[in-house]
Amino acid sequence: MTERFLKINKGGRRRVALKYCGGCDPVFDRVAYFRKIESLSANDIEWVTLDDPDYEAVLLIEGCDMACAEKSIGSVICDRIISVRRDDSEPGDILNKLLSREEKNED
């Protein structure tokens, strides 16, 4: 791990990479849904992209069940990948999954 990564985690913040699908046929407002998660996360998460180094989790905001973003990320190395395909999950539940330190991947 890099020194930068260790410094960020000393403050308790989790680095989470955010990836949206292409938005060709979304069944919900993906950006509005993410904004709810973002507002709940306060200072617990540093939101980054997949191009940034040393993220601990990935949040995929899919617009539908085709899950294009999931297919496009290839192989990533992190503790957890959360894929959201509909807005029927409470944003707080998604946030709790992202902040959990257990290692597993979920939909």
C-alpha atoms as a PDB file:
ATOM      1  CA  MET A   1       0.000   0.000   0.000  1.00  0.00           C
ATOM      2  CA  THR A   2       1.164   3.492  -0.680  1.00  0.00           C
ATOM      3  CA  GLU A   3       1.879   6.095   1.992  1.00  0.00           C
ATOM      4  CA  ARG A   4      -1.018   8.209   0.642  1.00  0.00           C
ATOM      5  CA  PHE A   5      -3.432   5.311   1.158  1.00  0.00           C
ATOM      6  CA  LEU A   6      -2.277   4.765   4.724  1.00  0.00           C
ATOM      7  CA  LYS A   7      -2.630   8.459   5.592  1.00  0.00           C
ATOM      8  CA  ILE A   8      -6.192   8.600   4.277  1.00  0.00           C
ATOM      9  CA  ASN A   9      -7.234   5.511   6.223  1.00  0.00           C
ATOM     10  CA  LYS A  10      -5.797   6.801   9.500  1.00  0.00           C
ATOM     11  CA  GLY A  11      -8.688   9.270   9.479  1.00  0.00           C
ATOM     12  CA  GLY A  12     -11.144   6.398   9.077  1.00  0.00           C
ATOM     13  CA  ARG A  13     -12.284   7.384   5.578  1.00  0.00           C
ATOM     14  CA  ARG A  14     -12.854   4.641   3.062  1.00  0.00           C
ATOM     15  CA  ARG A  15     -11.819   5.188  -0.566  1.00  0.00           C
ATOM     16  CA  VAL A  16     -14.639   4.082  -2.857  1.00  0.00           C
ATOM     17  CA  ALA A  17     -14.480   4.205  -6.647  1.00  0.00           C
ATOM     18  CA  LEU A  18     -17.736   5.246  -8.321  1.00  0.00           C
ATOM     19  CA  LYS A  19     -18.716   4.010 -11.785  1.00  0.00           C
ATOM     20  CA  TYR A  20     -21.953   4.747 -13.626  1.00  0.00           C
ATOM     21  CA  CYS A  21     -23.337   2.762 -16.545  1.00  0.00           C
ATOM     22  CA  GLY A  22     -23.686   4.504 -19.902  1.00  0.00           C
ATOM     23  CA  GLY A  23     -27.294   5.486 -19.206  1.00  0.00           C
ATOM     24  CA  CYS A  24     -28.749   4.116 -22.447  1.00  0.00           C
ATOM     25  CA  ASP A  25     -32.024   2.908 -20.877  1.00  0.00           C
ATOM     26  CA  PRO A  26     -32.108   3.766 -17.144  1.00  0.00           C
ATOM     27  CA  VAL A  27     -35.136   2.808 -15.076  1.00  0.00           C
ATOM     28  CA  PHE A  28     -34.300   5.335 -12.327  1.00  0.00           C
ATOM     29  CA  ASP A  29     -32.366   8.581 -11.837  1.00  0.00           C
ATOM     30  CA  ARG A  30     -28.875   7.215 -11.166  1.00  0.00           C
ATOM     31  CA  VAL A  31     -27.304  10.549 -10.251  1.00  0.00           C
ATOM     32  CA  ALA A  32     -30.072  11.455  -7.773  1.00  0.00           C
ATOM     33  CA  TYR A  33     -29.741   8.021  -6.167  1.00  0.00           C
ATOM     34  CA  PHE A  34     -25.970   8.435  -5.802  1.00  0.00           C
ATOM     35  CA  ARG A  35     -26.418  11.936  -4.364  1.00  0.00           C
ATOM     36  CA  LYS A  36     -28.498  10.408  -1.551  1.00  0.00           C
ATOM     37  CA  ILE A  37     -25.704   7.934  -0.770  1.00  0.00           C
ATOM     38  CA  GLU A  38     -23.113  10.689  -1.023  1.00  0.00           C
ATOM     39  CA  SER A  39     -24.996  12.968   1.374  1.00  0.00           C
ATOM     40  CA  LEU A  40     -25.333  10.160   3.931  1.00  0.00           C
ATOM     41  CA  SER A  41     -21.646   9.273   3.670  1.00  0.00           C
ATOM     42  CA  ALA A  42     -20.533  12.684   5.009  1.00  0.00           C
ATOM     43  CA  ASN A  43     -16.840  12.300   5.829  1.00  0.00           C
ATOM     44  CA  ASP A  44     -16.830   8.485   5.920  1.00  0.00           C
ATOM     45  CA  ILE A  45     -16.032   8.018   2.222  1.00  0.00           C
ATOM     46  CA  GLU A  46     -13.629   9.638  -0.185  1.00  0.00           C
ATOM     47  CA  TRP A  47     -15.233   9.210  -3.613  1.00  0.00           C
ATOM     48  CA  VAL A  48     -12.736   8.470  -6.388  1.00  0.00           C
ATOM     49  CA  THR A  49     -12.761   6.944  -9.877  1.00  0.00           C
ATOM     50  CA  LEU A  50     -11.484   3.586 -11.069  1.00  0.00           C
ATOM     51  CA  ASP A  51      -8.426   5.436 -12.408  1.00  0.00           C
ATOM     52  CA  ASP A  52      -7.396   6.473  -8.887  1.00  0.00           C
ATOM     53  CA  PRO A  53      -5.074   4.135  -6.989  1.00  0.00           C
ATOM     54  CA  ASP A  54      -5.783   2.239  -3.800  1.00  0.00           C
ATOM     55  CA  TYR A  55      -9.572   2.283  -3.528  1.00  0.00           C
ATOM     56  CA  GLU A  56     -11.049  -0.234  -1.117  1.00  0.00           C
ATOM     57  CA  ALA A  57     -14.466  -0.714  -2.713  1.00  0.00           C
ATOM     58  CA  VAL A  58     -16.336  -0.014  -5.942  1.00  0.00           C
ATOM     59  CA  LEU A  59     -19.890   1.285  -6.240  1.00  0.00           C
ATOM     60  CA  LEU A  60     -21.452   0.533  -9.629  1.00  0.00           C
ATOM     61  CA  ILE A  61     -24.608   2.524 -10.346  1.00  0.00           C
ATOM     62  CA  GLU A  62     -26.361   0.591 -13.107  1.00  0.00           C
ATOM     63  CA  GLY A  63     -29.432   1.993 -14.842  1.00  0.00           C
ATOM     64  CA  CYS A  64     -31.023  -1.401 -15.462  1.00  0.00           C
ATOM     65  CA  ASP A  65     -30.493  -5.147 -15.146  1.00  0.00           C
ATOM     66  CA  MET A  66     -28.137  -5.265 -18.161  1.00  0.00           C
ATOM     67  CA  ALA A  67     -25.348  -4.196 -15.766  1.00  0.00           C
ATOM     68  CA  CYS A  68     -23.109  -2.683 -18.443  1.00  0.00           C
ATOM     69  CA  ALA A  69     -20.829  -0.963 -15.926  1.00  0.00           C
ATOM     70  CA  GLU A  70     -20.168  -4.283 -14.214  1.00  0.00           C
ATOM     71  CA  LYS A  71     -19.194  -5.845 -17.530  1.00  0.00           C
ATOM     72  CA  SER A  72     -16.974  -2.905 -18.478  1.00  0.00           C
ATOM     73  CA  ILE A  73     -14.757  -2.702 -15.396  1.00  0.00           C
ATOM     74  CA  GLY A  74     -12.821  -5.895 -16.074  1.00  0.00           C
ATOM     75  CA  SER A  75     -10.969  -7.225 -13.085  1.00  0.00           C
ATOM     76  CA  VAL A  76     -10.455  -4.886 -10.172  1.00  0.00           C
ATOM     77  CA  ILE A  77      -8.739  -5.644  -6.903  1.00  0.00           C
ATOM     78  CA  CYS A  78     -10.603  -4.347  -3.891  1.00  0.00           C
ATOM     79  CA  ASP A  79     -12.452  -5.527  -0.788  1.00  0.00           C
ATOM     80  CA  ARG A  80     -15.928  -5.123  -2.184  1.00  0.00           C
ATOM     81  CA  ILE A  81     -17.934  -4.416  -5.324  1.00  0.00           C
ATOM     82  CA  ILE A  82     -21.517  -3.211  -4.853  1.00  0.00           C
ATOM     83  CA  SER A  83     -23.707  -3.111  -7.952  1.00  0.00           C
ATOM     84  CA  VAL A  84     -26.977  -1.141  -7.772  1.00  0.00           C
ATOM     85  CA  ARG A  85     -29.380  -1.919 -10.630  1.00  0.00           C
ATOM     86  CA  ARG A  86     -32.597  -0.459  -9.229  1.00  0.00           C
ATOM     87  CA  ASP A  87     -33.472   2.214  -6.697  1.00  0.00           C
ATOM     88  CA  ASP A  88     -35.446  -0.129  -4.432  1.00  0.00           C
ATOM     89  CA  SER A  89     -32.560  -0.493  -1.941  1.00  0.00           C
ATOM     90  CA  GLU A  90     -32.345   2.185   0.724  1.00  0.00           C
ATOM     91  CA  PRO A  91     -29.290   4.417   0.136  1.00  0.00           C
ATOM     92  CA  GLY A  92     -28.370   3.934   3.810  1.00  0.00           C
ATOM     93  CA  ASP A  93     -28.213   0.161   3.285  1.00  0.00           C
ATOM     94  CA  ILE A  94     -25.862   0.621   0.333  1.00  0.00           C
ATOM     95  CA  LEU A  95     -23.702   2.950   2.417  1.00  0.00           C
ATOM     96  CA  ASN A  96     -23.520   0.388   5.236  1.00  0.00           C
ATOM     97  CA  LYS A  97     -22.380  -2.276   2.765  1.00  0.00           C
ATOM     98  CA  LEU A  98     -19.679   0.057   1.448  1.00  0.00           C
ATOM     99  CA  LEU A  99     -18.434   0.882   4.937  1.00  0.00           C
ATOM    100  CA  SER A 100     -18.436  -2.716   6.157  1.00  0.00           C
ATOM    101  CA  ARG A 101     -14.943  -4.154   6.610  1.00  0.00           C
ATOM    102  CA  GLU A 102     -16.002  -7.709   5.754  1.00  0.00           C
ATOM    103  CA  GLU A 103     -14.494  -8.895   2.473  1.00  0.00           C
ATOM    104  CA  LYS A 104     -17.135  -9.941  -0.049  1.00  0.00           C
ATOM    105  CA  ASN A 105     -18.739  -8.837  -3.301  1.00  0.00           C
ATOM    106  CA  GLU A 106     -22.467  -8.167  -3.519  1.00  0.00           C
ATOM    107  CA  ASP A 107     -25.264  -7.102  -5.814  1.00  0.00           C
END
